[in-house]
Amino acid sequence: MFNPTPPRRPYNAKGSKVVRCPDCMLAQNYCICAERNPVAVDFEIWLLMHKEEAYKPTNTGRLIEDTIPEHSRRFYWHRTEPDAQFLALLQSEDYQAHIIFPDDRGGYDERVVQQPIRTPGKIPAFIILDGSWRQAGRMFRLSQYLQTLPVLPIKTQRLSQYKLRKAPDDFHLCTAEVAMALMEMMQADYALSSLQHLFDAFNDSYANSRRNILPNKSDEPSA
């Protein structure tokens, strides 16, 4: 489930002229929609997406939505005018919300929890900031409506397998990999397997399409 409100401007970077599947956004001949295997979990993931991410074919947040469609929601980030539905969910007695973010940045130590909070009668919900690593930091710092939420860092030895954008180091995970580490923490093994399969298909298909459709680096999609 996601908020259908579109970002203000469409994706118009290099590679935008490639004919793409409207769902997975890969080149049509490399579509991975048949690899989807939707599953159910006992928690929710809320993607707080930077507006620039929605049209990027390199975005992996949509893989989470394809894996747990009934247990995921998408909202577009705005610093001063947050989505009203998102604010309502943060205040709802039905959910125990957490924000996924590292615990080594300082200034919010009192909010850090090492395990999800299990409140009787409430569904655990996990907010993943879906943007570049720099954008996620700004979203975390500048959003007043996020400043009282417990912060759950993801502790994992998982090395990133995402090769479509350059990360600061091998331990910086993309959005789908953060969700996989979270599913591992929540012992949602079936969902983890399903998302891992879709992520692997995404990585392989995107790499193949780059080699076969966009042979010139000047035509490659922007990260």
N, C-alpha and C. Protein backbone atom coordinates (compact mmCIF):
# COMPACT_ATOMS: atom_id res chain seq x y z
N MET A 1 0.86 -1.18 0.00
CA MET A 1 0.00 0.00 0.00
C MET A 1 0.89 1.23 0.00
N PHE A 2 0.64 2.17 -0.92
CA PHE A 2 1.45 3.37 -0.91
C PHE A 2 0.65 4.57 -1.34
N ASN A 3 1.11 5.73 -0.91
CA ASN A 3 0.49 6.99 -1.25
C ASN A 3 0.70 7.26 -2.73
N PRO A 4 -0.36 7.41 -3.54
CA PRO A 4 -0.20 7.56 -4.98
C PRO A 4 0.21 8.95 -5.42
N THR A 5 0.29 9.92 -4.51
CA THR A 5 0.63 11.27 -4.90
C THR A 5 1.99 11.30 -5.58
N PRO A 6 2.07 11.75 -6.83
CA PRO A 6 3.35 11.70 -7.53
C PRO A 6 4.28 12.81 -7.09
N PRO A 7 5.60 12.60 -7.23
CA PRO A 7 6.54 13.67 -6.98
C PRO A 7 6.30 14.81 -7.96
N ARG A 8 6.93 15.95 -7.71
CA ARG A 8 6.62 17.15 -8.49
C ARG A 8 7.23 17.13 -9.89
N ARG A 9 8.31 16.42 -10.09
CA ARG A 9 8.89 16.38 -11.42
C ARG A 9 9.26 14.94 -11.77
N PRO A 10 9.11 14.56 -13.05
CA PRO A 10 9.40 13.19 -13.45
C PRO A 10 10.88 12.93 -13.57
N TYR A 11 11.21 11.63 -13.55
CA TYR A 11 12.59 11.22 -13.76
C TYR A 11 12.97 11.57 -15.20
N ASN A 12 14.02 12.35 -15.38
CA ASN A 12 14.41 12.80 -16.70
C ASN A 12 15.92 12.84 -16.82
N ALA A 13 16.57 11.77 -16.36
CA ALA A 13 18.03 11.71 -16.41
C ALA A 13 18.46 10.83 -17.56
N LYS A 14 19.78 10.58 -17.65
CA LYS A 14 20.30 9.74 -18.71
C LYS A 14 19.66 8.35 -18.61
N GLY A 15 19.29 7.81 -19.75
CA GLY A 15 18.62 6.51 -19.76
C GLY A 15 17.11 6.62 -19.67
N SER A 16 16.57 7.84 -19.55
CA SER A 16 15.13 7.99 -19.38
C SER A 16 14.35 7.65 -20.65
N LYS A 17 15.02 7.58 -21.80
CA LYS A 17 14.33 7.26 -23.05
C LYS A 17 14.19 5.75 -23.27
N VAL A 18 14.79 4.93 -22.42
CA VAL A 18 14.63 3.48 -22.54
C VAL A 18 13.17 3.10 -22.27
N VAL A 19 12.61 2.24 -23.10
CA VAL A 19 11.24 1.77 -22.89
C VAL A 19 11.25 0.79 -21.73
N ARG A 20 10.54 1.13 -20.67
CA ARG A 20 10.61 0.37 -19.42
C ARG A 20 9.27 -0.24 -19.05
N CYS A 21 9.32 -1.32 -18.30
CA CYS A 21 8.12 -1.87 -17.69
C CYS A 21 7.58 -0.84 -16.70
N PRO A 22 6.29 -0.52 -16.75
CA PRO A 22 5.77 0.50 -15.84
C PRO A 22 5.75 0.09 -14.38
N ASP A 23 5.90 -1.20 -14.11
CA ASP A 23 5.86 -1.68 -12.73
C ASP A 23 7.25 -1.79 -12.11
N CYS A 24 8.12 -2.60 -12.70
CA CYS A 24 9.45 -2.78 -12.11
C CYS A 24 10.45 -1.73 -12.60
N MET A 25 10.10 -1.00 -13.67
CA MET A 25 10.89 0.08 -14.24
C MET A 25 12.20 -0.38 -14.88
N LEU A 26 12.38 -1.67 -15.07
CA LEU A 26 13.50 -2.15 -15.85
C LEU A 26 13.12 -2.12 -17.33
N ALA A 27 14.14 -2.17 -18.20
CA ALA A 27 13.87 -2.24 -19.63
C ALA A 27 12.93 -3.41 -19.91
N GLN A 28 12.00 -3.22 -20.83
CA GLN A 28 10.92 -4.19 -21.02
C GLN A 28 11.43 -5.61 -21.23
N ASN A 29 12.50 -5.77 -21.99
CA ASN A 29 13.02 -7.12 -22.24
C ASN A 29 13.70 -7.73 -21.02
N TYR A 30 13.86 -6.95 -19.97
CA TYR A 30 14.54 -7.42 -18.76
C TYR A 30 13.62 -7.31 -17.54
N CYS A 31 12.33 -7.27 -17.78
CA CYS A 31 11.32 -7.15 -16.73
C CYS A 31 11.46 -8.30 -15.72
N ILE A 32 11.30 -7.98 -14.44
CA ILE A 32 11.41 -9.01 -13.39
C ILE A 32 10.08 -9.24 -12.66
N CYS A 33 8.99 -8.72 -13.20
CA CYS A 33 7.71 -8.83 -12.50
C CYS A 33 7.32 -10.29 -12.24
N ALA A 34 7.72 -11.20 -13.13
CA ALA A 34 7.38 -12.62 -12.94
C ALA A 34 8.11 -13.23 -11.76
N GLU A 35 9.13 -12.54 -11.25
CA GLU A 35 9.91 -13.06 -10.12
C GLU A 35 9.29 -12.69 -8.77
N ARG A 36 8.25 -11.91 -8.78
CA ARG A 36 7.61 -11.51 -7.52
C ARG A 36 6.97 -12.70 -6.82
N ASN A 37 7.08 -12.70 -5.51
CA ASN A 37 6.41 -13.72 -4.70
C ASN A 37 5.90 -13.04 -3.43
N PRO A 38 4.75 -12.39 -3.50
CA PRO A 38 4.24 -11.64 -2.35
C PRO A 38 3.99 -12.53 -1.14
N VAL A 39 4.37 -12.02 0.03
CA VAL A 39 4.20 -12.79 1.27
C VAL A 39 3.63 -11.87 2.35
N ALA A 40 3.25 -12.47 3.47
CA ALA A 40 2.70 -11.73 4.61
C ALA A 40 3.71 -11.75 5.76
N VAL A 41 3.71 -10.68 6.55
CA VAL A 41 4.54 -10.59 7.75
C VAL A 41 3.69 -10.02 8.88
N ASP A 42 4.23 -10.03 10.10
CA ASP A 42 3.47 -9.53 11.25
C ASP A 42 3.95 -8.15 11.68
N PHE A 43 4.50 -7.39 10.75
CA PHE A 43 4.93 -6.02 11.01
C PHE A 43 4.74 -5.23 9.72
N GLU A 44 4.99 -3.93 9.76
CA GLU A 44 4.89 -3.12 8.56
C GLU A 44 6.19 -2.37 8.31
N ILE A 45 6.44 -2.09 7.05
CA ILE A 45 7.56 -1.22 6.66
C ILE A 45 6.96 -0.01 5.96
N TRP A 46 7.33 1.17 6.46
CA TRP A 46 6.88 2.42 5.87
C TRP A 46 8.06 3.08 5.20
N LEU A 47 7.99 3.24 3.89
CA LEU A 47 9.04 3.92 3.15
C LEU A 47 8.76 5.42 3.16
N LEU A 48 9.68 6.18 3.70
CA LEU A 48 9.60 7.63 3.61
C LEU A 48 10.57 8.03 2.50
N MET A 49 10.01 8.25 1.33
CA MET A 49 10.80 8.34 0.10
C MET A 49 11.08 9.78 -0.29
N HIS A 50 12.33 10.08 -0.58
CA HIS A 50 12.69 11.37 -1.15
C HIS A 50 12.06 11.47 -2.54
N LYS A 51 11.54 12.63 -2.88
CA LYS A 51 10.79 12.77 -4.13
C LYS A 51 11.63 12.42 -5.35
N GLU A 52 12.94 12.57 -5.28
CA GLU A 52 13.79 12.27 -6.44
C GLU A 52 13.93 10.77 -6.69
N GLU A 53 13.55 9.94 -5.71
CA GLU A 53 13.72 8.49 -5.84
C GLU A 53 12.64 7.82 -6.67
N ALA A 54 11.45 8.40 -6.69
CA ALA A 54 10.29 7.68 -7.22
C ALA A 54 10.45 7.26 -8.67
N TYR A 55 11.13 8.08 -9.47
CA TYR A 55 11.26 7.78 -10.89
C TYR A 55 12.60 7.15 -11.26
N LYS A 56 13.45 6.92 -10.27
CA LYS A 56 14.75 6.33 -10.58
C LYS A 56 14.61 4.82 -10.76
N PRO A 57 14.99 4.30 -11.91
CA PRO A 57 14.92 2.84 -12.08
C PRO A 57 15.87 2.09 -11.18
N THR A 58 16.85 2.78 -10.59
CA THR A 58 17.79 2.13 -9.68
C THR A 58 17.25 2.03 -8.26
N ASN A 59 16.08 2.58 -8.00
CA ASN A 59 15.52 2.54 -6.66
C ASN A 59 15.11 1.12 -6.28
N THR A 60 15.43 0.70 -5.05
CA THR A 60 15.09 -0.65 -4.61
C THR A 60 13.93 -0.68 -3.62
N GLY A 61 13.42 0.48 -3.24
CA GLY A 61 12.30 0.50 -2.30
C GLY A 61 11.08 -0.22 -2.85
N ARG A 62 10.86 -0.12 -4.16
CA ARG A 62 9.69 -0.77 -4.74
C ARG A 62 9.78 -2.30 -4.66
N LEU A 63 10.99 -2.84 -4.49
CA LEU A 63 11.12 -4.29 -4.32
C LEU A 63 10.48 -4.74 -3.01
N ILE A 64 10.57 -3.88 -1.99
CA ILE A 64 9.93 -4.17 -0.71
C ILE A 64 8.42 -4.19 -0.88
N GLU A 65 7.91 -3.19 -1.59
CA GLU A 65 6.47 -3.12 -1.84
C GLU A 65 5.98 -4.34 -2.62
N ASP A 66 6.78 -4.83 -3.55
CA ASP A 66 6.40 -6.00 -4.33
C ASP A 66 6.44 -7.28 -3.50
N THR A 67 7.26 -7.29 -2.46
CA THR A 67 7.41 -8.50 -1.63
C THR A 67 6.37 -8.57 -0.52
N ILE A 68 6.10 -7.44 0.12
CA ILE A 68 5.09 -7.42 1.20
C ILE A 68 4.06 -6.32 0.90
N PRO A 69 3.31 -6.47 -0.19
CA PRO A 69 2.41 -5.39 -0.62
C PRO A 69 1.33 -5.03 0.39
N GLU A 70 0.90 -5.98 1.20
CA GLU A 70 -0.15 -5.69 2.18
C GLU A 70 0.42 -5.18 3.50
N HIS A 71 1.73 -5.10 3.59
CA HIS A 71 2.35 -4.71 4.85
C HIS A 71 3.42 -3.63 4.64
N SER A 72 3.29 -2.89 3.56
CA SER A 72 4.21 -1.79 3.29
C SER A 72 3.42 -0.58 2.83
N ARG A 73 3.96 0.58 3.12
CA ARG A 73 3.33 1.84 2.71
C ARG A 73 4.43 2.78 2.23
N ARG A 74 4.06 3.65 1.29
CA ARG A 74 5.01 4.63 0.78
C ARG A 74 4.47 6.04 1.02
N PHE A 75 5.35 6.91 1.52
CA PHE A 75 5.03 8.31 1.68
C PHE A 75 6.19 9.13 1.13
N TYR A 76 5.86 10.28 0.55
CA TYR A 76 6.92 11.13 0.04
C TYR A 76 7.31 12.15 1.11
N TRP A 77 8.60 12.29 1.28
CA TRP A 77 9.13 13.15 2.34
C TRP A 77 8.95 14.62 2.03
N HIS A 78 8.55 15.37 3.03
CA HIS A 78 8.52 16.82 2.96
C HIS A 78 8.88 17.34 4.34
N ARG A 79 9.82 18.26 4.38
CA ARG A 79 10.33 18.72 5.68
C ARG A 79 9.27 19.48 6.48
N THR A 80 8.55 20.39 5.82
CA THR A 80 7.63 21.26 6.55
C THR A 80 6.16 20.92 6.35
N GLU A 81 5.82 20.12 5.32
CA GLU A 81 4.44 19.76 5.06
C GLU A 81 4.32 18.24 4.91
N PRO A 82 4.52 17.52 5.99
CA PRO A 82 4.48 16.05 5.92
C PRO A 82 3.09 15.54 5.56
N ASP A 83 3.07 14.35 4.99
CA ASP A 83 1.83 13.70 4.59
C ASP A 83 0.92 13.51 5.81
N ALA A 84 -0.31 13.94 5.70
CA ALA A 84 -1.25 13.87 6.83
C ALA A 84 -1.52 12.42 7.24
N GLN A 85 -1.60 11.51 6.27
CA GLN A 85 -1.82 10.10 6.61
C GLN A 85 -0.63 9.53 7.37
N PHE A 86 0.57 9.94 6.97
CA PHE A 86 1.77 9.48 7.66
C PHE A 86 1.77 9.97 9.11
N LEU A 87 1.43 11.24 9.32
CA LEU A 87 1.37 11.77 10.68
C LEU A 87 0.32 11.04 11.52
N ALA A 88 -0.79 10.72 10.90
CA ALA A 88 -1.85 10.00 11.62
C ALA A 88 -1.38 8.62 12.06
N LEU A 89 -0.62 7.95 11.20
CA LEU A 89 -0.09 6.64 11.56
C LEU A 89 0.91 6.74 12.71
N LEU A 90 1.74 7.79 12.69
CA LEU A 90 2.71 7.97 13.77
C LEU A 90 2.01 8.14 15.12
N GLN A 91 0.83 8.71 15.11
CA GLN A 91 0.09 8.98 16.35
C GLN A 91 -0.91 7.88 16.69
N SER A 92 -1.06 6.91 15.78
CA SER A 92 -2.06 5.86 15.98
C SER A 92 -1.66 4.93 17.13
N GLU A 93 -2.67 4.49 17.88
CA GLU A 93 -2.46 3.53 18.95
C GLU A 93 -2.33 2.10 18.41
N ASP A 94 -2.51 1.94 17.11
CA ASP A 94 -2.43 0.61 16.51
C ASP A 94 -1.00 0.19 16.19
N TYR A 95 -0.07 1.17 16.16
CA TYR A 95 1.29 0.88 15.71
C TYR A 95 2.33 1.35 16.72
N GLN A 96 3.43 0.61 16.79
CA GLN A 96 4.62 1.04 17.49
C GLN A 96 5.67 1.33 16.42
N ALA A 97 5.85 2.61 16.13
CA ALA A 97 6.74 3.01 15.04
C ALA A 97 8.19 3.13 15.53
N HIS A 98 9.11 2.76 14.66
CA HIS A 98 10.55 2.93 14.86
C HIS A 98 11.10 3.57 13.60
N ILE A 99 12.21 4.26 13.72
CA ILE A 99 12.90 4.74 12.54
C ILE A 99 14.24 4.03 12.44
N ILE A 100 14.53 3.51 11.27
CA ILE A 100 15.79 2.78 11.05
C ILE A 100 16.88 3.79 10.71
N PHE A 101 17.92 3.82 11.54
CA PHE A 101 19.00 4.77 11.33
C PHE A 101 20.20 4.34 12.18
N PRO A 102 21.42 4.63 11.72
CA PRO A 102 22.60 4.25 12.51
C PRO A 102 22.62 4.92 13.88
N ASP A 103 23.32 4.30 14.83
CA ASP A 103 23.38 4.84 16.19
C ASP A 103 24.71 5.50 16.49
N ASP A 104 25.50 5.79 15.45
CA ASP A 104 26.84 6.32 15.69
C ASP A 104 27.00 7.78 15.27
N ARG A 105 25.87 8.48 15.07
CA ARG A 105 25.96 9.87 14.62
C ARG A 105 25.94 10.88 15.75
N GLY A 106 25.46 10.46 16.93
CA GLY A 106 25.46 11.33 18.10
C GLY A 106 24.28 12.28 18.13
N GLY A 107 23.87 12.65 19.37
CA GLY A 107 22.81 13.63 19.54
C GLY A 107 21.45 13.03 19.80
N TYR A 108 21.30 11.73 19.72
CA TYR A 108 20.00 11.11 19.96
C TYR A 108 20.16 9.77 20.69
N ASP A 109 21.20 9.67 21.50
CA ASP A 109 21.51 8.41 22.18
C ASP A 109 20.35 7.90 23.01
N GLU A 110 19.59 8.81 23.63
CA GLU A 110 18.50 8.40 24.51
C GLU A 110 17.35 7.75 23.75
N ARG A 111 17.33 7.89 22.44
CA ARG A 111 16.25 7.33 21.62
C ARG A 111 16.61 5.97 21.03
N VAL A 112 17.85 5.57 21.12
CA VAL A 112 18.32 4.36 20.47
C VAL A 112 17.84 3.11 21.21
N VAL A 113 17.29 2.16 20.47
CA VAL A 113 16.93 0.86 21.01
C VAL A 113 17.65 -0.20 20.17
N GLN A 114 18.04 -1.28 20.82
CA GLN A 114 18.80 -2.32 20.10
C GLN A 114 17.92 -3.44 19.57
N GLN A 115 16.67 -3.48 20.04
CA GLN A 115 15.69 -4.47 19.58
C GLN A 115 14.36 -3.75 19.36
N PRO A 116 13.54 -4.25 18.44
CA PRO A 116 12.21 -3.65 18.25
C PRO A 116 11.42 -3.66 19.55
N ILE A 117 10.69 -2.59 19.77
CA ILE A 117 9.83 -2.49 20.94
C ILE A 117 8.56 -3.31 20.70
N ARG A 118 8.28 -4.23 21.60
CA ARG A 118 7.09 -5.08 21.47
C ARG A 118 6.05 -4.59 22.45
N THR A 119 5.10 -3.82 21.97
CA THR A 119 4.03 -3.29 22.80
C THR A 119 2.77 -4.11 22.56
N PRO A 120 2.22 -4.73 23.61
CA PRO A 120 1.02 -5.56 23.43
C PRO A 120 -0.09 -4.79 22.71
N GLY A 121 -0.67 -5.43 21.71
CA GLY A 121 -1.77 -4.82 20.98
C GLY A 121 -1.34 -3.87 19.87
N LYS A 122 -0.03 -3.66 19.71
CA LYS A 122 0.44 -2.75 18.66
C LYS A 122 1.28 -3.50 17.63
N ILE A 123 1.12 -3.11 16.38
CA ILE A 123 1.88 -3.70 15.28
C ILE A 123 3.21 -2.97 15.16
N PRO A 124 4.34 -3.67 15.19
CA PRO A 124 5.62 -3.00 14.97
C PRO A 124 5.67 -2.43 13.55
N ALA A 125 6.10 -1.18 13.45
CA ALA A 125 6.23 -0.52 12.15
C ALA A 125 7.62 0.10 12.07
N PHE A 126 8.25 -0.02 10.91
CA PHE A 126 9.63 0.41 10.74
C PHE A 126 9.72 1.39 9.56
N ILE A 127 10.20 2.57 9.85
CA ILE A 127 10.34 3.61 8.84
C ILE A 127 11.74 3.52 8.24
N ILE A 128 11.80 3.33 6.94
CA ILE A 128 13.08 3.33 6.22
C ILE A 128 13.14 4.60 5.37
N LEU A 129 14.19 5.37 5.55
CA LEU A 129 14.37 6.59 4.78
C LEU A 129 14.93 6.22 3.42
N ASP A 130 14.13 6.42 2.39
CA ASP A 130 14.47 5.95 1.05
C ASP A 130 14.99 7.11 0.21
N GLY A 131 16.30 7.23 0.16
CA GLY A 131 16.96 8.27 -0.62
C GLY A 131 18.44 7.93 -0.67
N SER A 132 19.23 8.84 -1.21
CA SER A 132 20.67 8.65 -1.17
C SER A 132 21.13 8.69 0.28
N TRP A 133 22.36 8.27 0.55
CA TRP A 133 22.85 8.27 1.92
C TRP A 133 22.85 9.69 2.48
N ARG A 134 23.22 10.67 1.68
CA ARG A 134 23.21 12.06 2.13
C ARG A 134 21.79 12.56 2.36
N GLN A 135 20.89 12.23 1.45
CA GLN A 135 19.49 12.63 1.60
C GLN A 135 18.87 12.04 2.86
N ALA A 136 19.16 10.78 3.14
CA ALA A 136 18.60 10.14 4.33
C ALA A 136 19.04 10.86 5.60
N GLY A 137 20.30 11.29 5.63
CA GLY A 137 20.79 12.03 6.79
C GLY A 137 20.04 13.33 6.99
N ARG A 138 19.78 14.04 5.90
CA ARG A 138 19.02 15.29 5.99
C ARG A 138 17.59 15.03 6.42
N MET A 139 16.99 14.00 5.88
CA MET A 139 15.61 13.66 6.23
C MET A 139 15.51 13.36 7.72
N PHE A 140 16.49 12.65 8.24
CA PHE A 140 16.49 12.29 9.66
C PHE A 140 16.64 13.53 10.54
N ARG A 141 17.55 14.40 10.17
CA ARG A 141 17.85 15.57 11.01
C ARG A 141 16.79 16.66 10.94
N LEU A 142 16.21 16.87 9.77
CA LEU A 142 15.38 18.05 9.54
C LEU A 142 13.89 17.82 9.76
N SER A 143 13.48 16.59 9.98
CA SER A 143 12.05 16.29 10.12
C SER A 143 11.67 16.32 11.60
N GLN A 144 11.02 17.37 12.01
CA GLN A 144 10.64 17.50 13.41
C GLN A 144 9.70 16.39 13.85
N TYR A 145 8.86 15.91 12.95
CA TYR A 145 7.88 14.89 13.30
C TYR A 145 8.51 13.51 13.50
N LEU A 146 9.82 13.38 13.24
CA LEU A 146 10.51 12.12 13.48
C LEU A 146 11.35 12.15 14.76
N GLN A 147 11.41 13.29 15.42
CA GLN A 147 12.39 13.47 16.48
C GLN A 147 12.06 12.79 17.81
N THR A 148 10.86 12.25 17.95
CA THR A 148 10.52 11.56 19.21
C THR A 148 10.46 10.04 19.03
N LEU A 149 10.69 9.56 17.83
CA LEU A 149 10.58 8.13 17.57
C LEU A 149 11.81 7.37 18.05
N PRO A 150 11.61 6.14 18.54
CA PRO A 150 12.77 5.32 18.86
C PRO A 150 13.57 5.01 17.60
N VAL A 151 14.89 5.03 17.74
CA VAL A 151 15.80 4.80 16.62
C VAL A 151 16.34 3.38 16.72
N LEU A 152 16.11 2.59 15.69
CA LEU A 152 16.58 1.21 15.67
C LEU A 152 17.71 1.08 14.65
N PRO A 153 18.95 0.93 15.11
CA PRO A 153 20.05 0.70 14.16
C PRO A 153 20.04 -0.75 13.70
N ILE A 154 20.43 -0.97 12.46
CA ILE A 154 20.52 -2.33 11.93
C ILE A 154 21.95 -2.82 12.11
N LYS A 155 22.12 -3.84 12.93
CA LYS A 155 23.43 -4.43 13.17
C LYS A 155 23.55 -5.69 12.32
N THR A 156 24.41 -5.65 11.35
CA THR A 156 24.56 -6.80 10.46
C THR A 156 25.96 -6.82 9.87
N GLN A 157 26.42 -7.99 9.56
CA GLN A 157 27.69 -8.15 8.86
C GLN A 157 27.46 -8.32 7.36
N ARG A 158 26.23 -8.12 6.95
CA ARG A 158 25.88 -8.22 5.54
C ARG A 158 26.65 -7.17 4.74
N LEU A 159 27.30 -7.56 3.69
CA LEU A 159 27.97 -6.64 2.78
C LEU A 159 27.03 -6.33 1.63
N SER A 160 27.03 -5.09 1.21
CA SER A 160 26.11 -4.70 0.15
C SER A 160 26.45 -5.41 -1.16
N GLN A 161 25.40 -5.93 -1.79
CA GLN A 161 25.53 -6.53 -3.11
C GLN A 161 24.97 -5.61 -4.19
N TYR A 162 24.60 -4.42 -3.77
CA TYR A 162 24.00 -3.45 -4.69
C TYR A 162 25.09 -2.70 -5.43
N LYS A 163 25.13 -2.82 -6.75
CA LYS A 163 26.24 -2.27 -7.52
C LYS A 163 25.82 -1.12 -8.44
N LEU A 164 24.57 -0.66 -8.34
CA LEU A 164 24.09 0.34 -9.29
C LEU A 164 24.38 1.77 -8.85
N ARG A 165 24.70 1.95 -7.58
CA ARG A 165 25.12 3.28 -7.10
C ARG A 165 26.30 3.08 -6.18
N LYS A 166 27.14 4.06 -6.10
CA LYS A 166 28.34 3.95 -5.28
C LYS A 166 28.01 4.32 -3.84
N ALA A 167 28.33 3.43 -2.90
CA ALA A 167 28.12 3.68 -1.47
C ALA A 167 29.42 4.13 -0.83
N PRO A 168 29.33 4.81 0.33
CA PRO A 168 30.56 5.23 1.02
C PRO A 168 31.47 4.06 1.38
N ASP A 169 30.88 2.89 1.71
CA ASP A 169 31.68 1.70 1.97
C ASP A 169 30.79 0.48 1.79
N ASP A 170 31.39 -0.71 1.92
CA ASP A 170 30.66 -1.95 1.64
C ASP A 170 29.59 -2.27 2.66
N PHE A 171 29.60 -1.59 3.82
CA PHE A 171 28.61 -1.86 4.85
C PHE A 171 27.40 -0.92 4.74
N HIS A 172 27.43 0.04 3.81
CA HIS A 172 26.27 0.88 3.59
C HIS A 172 25.31 0.14 2.66
N LEU A 173 24.15 -0.20 3.20
CA LEU A 173 23.20 -1.02 2.47
C LEU A 173 22.20 -0.15 1.71
N CYS A 174 21.71 -0.66 0.60
CA CYS A 174 20.64 0.02 -0.11
C CYS A 174 19.32 -0.25 0.62
N THR A 175 18.25 0.38 0.17
CA THR A 175 16.96 0.30 0.87
C THR A 175 16.46 -1.14 1.00
N ALA A 176 16.51 -1.91 -0.08
CA ALA A 176 16.04 -3.30 -0.01
C ALA A 176 16.90 -4.13 0.93
N GLU A 177 18.20 -3.86 0.95
CA GLU A 177 19.09 -4.62 1.84
C GLU A 177 18.84 -4.27 3.30
N VAL A 178 18.49 -3.02 3.59
CA VAL A 178 18.09 -2.65 4.95
C VAL A 178 16.86 -3.45 5.35
N ALA A 179 15.90 -3.54 4.45
CA ALA A 179 14.69 -4.32 4.73
C ALA A 179 15.01 -5.79 4.95
N MET A 180 15.95 -6.33 4.19
CA MET A 180 16.33 -7.74 4.38
C MET A 180 16.97 -7.95 5.75
N ALA A 181 17.83 -7.01 6.17
CA ALA A 181 18.45 -7.12 7.49
C ALA A 181 17.38 -7.02 8.58
N LEU A 182 16.38 -6.17 8.36
CA LEU A 182 15.28 -6.04 9.31
C LEU A 182 14.46 -7.32 9.36
N MET A 183 14.18 -7.91 8.20
CA MET A 183 13.43 -9.16 8.17
C MET A 183 14.18 -10.27 8.90
N GLU A 184 15.50 -10.25 8.77
CA GLU A 184 16.32 -11.23 9.50
C GLU A 184 16.18 -11.02 11.00
N MET A 185 16.21 -9.76 11.43
CA MET A 185 16.05 -9.43 12.85
C MET A 185 14.68 -9.88 13.36
N MET A 186 13.66 -9.74 12.52
CA MET A 186 12.29 -10.08 12.90
C MET A 186 11.97 -11.55 12.67
N GLN A 187 12.97 -12.32 12.23
CA GLN A 187 12.82 -13.75 11.97
C GLN A 187 11.72 -14.03 10.94
N ALA A 188 11.61 -13.13 9.96
CA ALA A 188 10.65 -13.30 8.87
C ALA A 188 11.37 -13.97 7.71
N ASP A 189 11.69 -15.25 7.90
CA ASP A 189 12.57 -15.95 6.96
C ASP A 189 11.97 -16.07 5.56
N TYR A 190 10.67 -16.32 5.48
CA TYR A 190 10.05 -16.49 4.17
C TYR A 190 10.07 -15.17 3.39
N ALA A 191 9.78 -14.07 4.09
CA ALA A 191 9.82 -12.76 3.45
C ALA A 191 11.25 -12.42 3.04
N LEU A 192 12.21 -12.73 3.89
CA LEU A 192 13.61 -12.48 3.58
C LEU A 192 14.02 -13.22 2.31
N SER A 193 13.64 -14.49 2.21
CA SER A 193 13.98 -15.29 1.04
C SER A 193 13.34 -14.71 -0.22
N SER A 194 12.09 -14.29 -0.11
CA SER A 194 11.37 -13.74 -1.25
C SER A 194 12.00 -12.43 -1.73
N LEU A 195 12.33 -11.55 -0.78
CA LEU A 195 12.93 -10.28 -1.16
C LEU A 195 14.34 -10.48 -1.70
N GLN A 196 15.10 -11.41 -1.10
CA GLN A 196 16.44 -11.67 -1.59
C GLN A 196 16.40 -12.16 -3.05
N HIS A 197 15.46 -13.03 -3.34
CA HIS A 197 15.32 -13.56 -4.71
C HIS A 197 15.01 -12.42 -5.68
N LEU A 198 14.07 -11.54 -5.31
CA LEU A 198 13.69 -10.44 -6.20
C LEU A 198 14.84 -9.45 -6.36
N PHE A 199 15.56 -9.20 -5.28
CA PHE A 199 16.71 -8.30 -5.33
C PHE A 199 17.80 -8.85 -6.23
N ASP A 200 18.07 -10.14 -6.14
CA ASP A 200 19.08 -10.76 -7.00
C ASP A 200 18.67 -10.66 -8.47
N ALA A 201 17.39 -10.90 -8.74
CA ALA A 201 16.90 -10.80 -10.11
C ALA A 201 17.03 -9.36 -10.61
N PHE A 202 16.73 -8.40 -9.73
CA PHE A 202 16.85 -6.98 -10.08
C PHE A 202 18.29 -6.63 -10.43
N ASN A 203 19.22 -7.02 -9.56
CA ASN A 203 20.63 -6.73 -9.81
C ASN A 203 21.10 -7.32 -11.14
N ASP A 204 20.77 -8.58 -11.38
CA ASP A 204 21.23 -9.26 -12.58
C ASP A 204 20.60 -8.66 -13.84
N SER A 205 19.28 -8.43 -13.80
CA SER A 205 18.60 -7.91 -14.98
C SER A 205 19.06 -6.50 -15.31
N TYR A 206 19.25 -5.69 -14.27
CA TYR A 206 19.69 -4.31 -14.52
C TYR A 206 21.10 -4.32 -15.12
N ALA A 207 21.98 -5.15 -14.58
CA ALA A 207 23.35 -5.22 -15.11
C ALA A 207 23.34 -5.69 -16.56
N ASN A 208 22.51 -6.67 -16.88
CA ASN A 208 22.43 -7.17 -18.25
C ASN A 208 21.87 -6.12 -19.19
N SER A 209 20.88 -5.36 -18.73
CA SER A 209 20.31 -4.33 -19.59
C SER A 209 21.31 -3.22 -19.85
N ARG A 210 22.13 -2.90 -18.86
CA ARG A 210 23.16 -1.89 -19.07
C ARG A 210 24.16 -2.32 -20.12
N ARG A 211 24.52 -3.58 -20.05
CA ARG A 211 25.52 -4.08 -21.01
C ARG A 211 24.95 -4.16 -22.42
N ASN A 212 23.69 -4.59 -22.54
CA ASN A 212 23.14 -4.89 -23.85
C ASN A 212 22.33 -3.76 -24.48
N ILE A 213 21.79 -2.86 -23.65
CA ILE A 213 20.96 -1.78 -24.18
C ILE A 213 21.69 -0.45 -24.15
N LEU A 214 22.52 -0.26 -23.12
CA LEU A 214 23.20 1.01 -22.94
C LEU A 214 24.71 0.79 -23.00
N PRO A 215 25.25 0.43 -24.16
CA PRO A 215 26.68 0.12 -24.22
C PRO A 215 27.58 1.31 -24.00
N ASN A 216 27.08 2.52 -24.25
CA ASN A 216 27.90 3.72 -24.07
C ASN A 216 27.66 4.31 -22.70
N LYS A 217 28.71 4.58 -21.98
CA LYS A 217 28.56 5.09 -20.61
C LYS A 217 27.77 6.39 -20.59
N SER A 218 27.86 7.16 -21.64
CA SER A 218 27.14 8.43 -21.68
C SER A 218 25.62 8.23 -21.66
N ASP A 219 25.16 6.98 -22.00
CA ASP A 219 23.74 6.69 -22.04
C ASP A 219 23.25 5.98 -20.79
N GLU A 220 24.13 5.70 -19.81
CA GLU A 220 23.72 4.96 -18.64
C GLU A 220 22.81 5.80 -17.76
N PRO A 221 21.86 5.15 -17.08
CA PRO A 221 20.99 5.87 -16.17
C PRO A 221 21.80 6.51 -15.05
N SER A 222 21.38 7.68 -14.66
CA SER A 222 22.06 8.35 -13.55
C SER A 222 21.73 7.67 -12.24
N ALA A 223 22.68 7.61 -11.33
CA ALA A 223 22.43 7.05 -10.00
C ALA A 223 21.79 8.08 -9.12
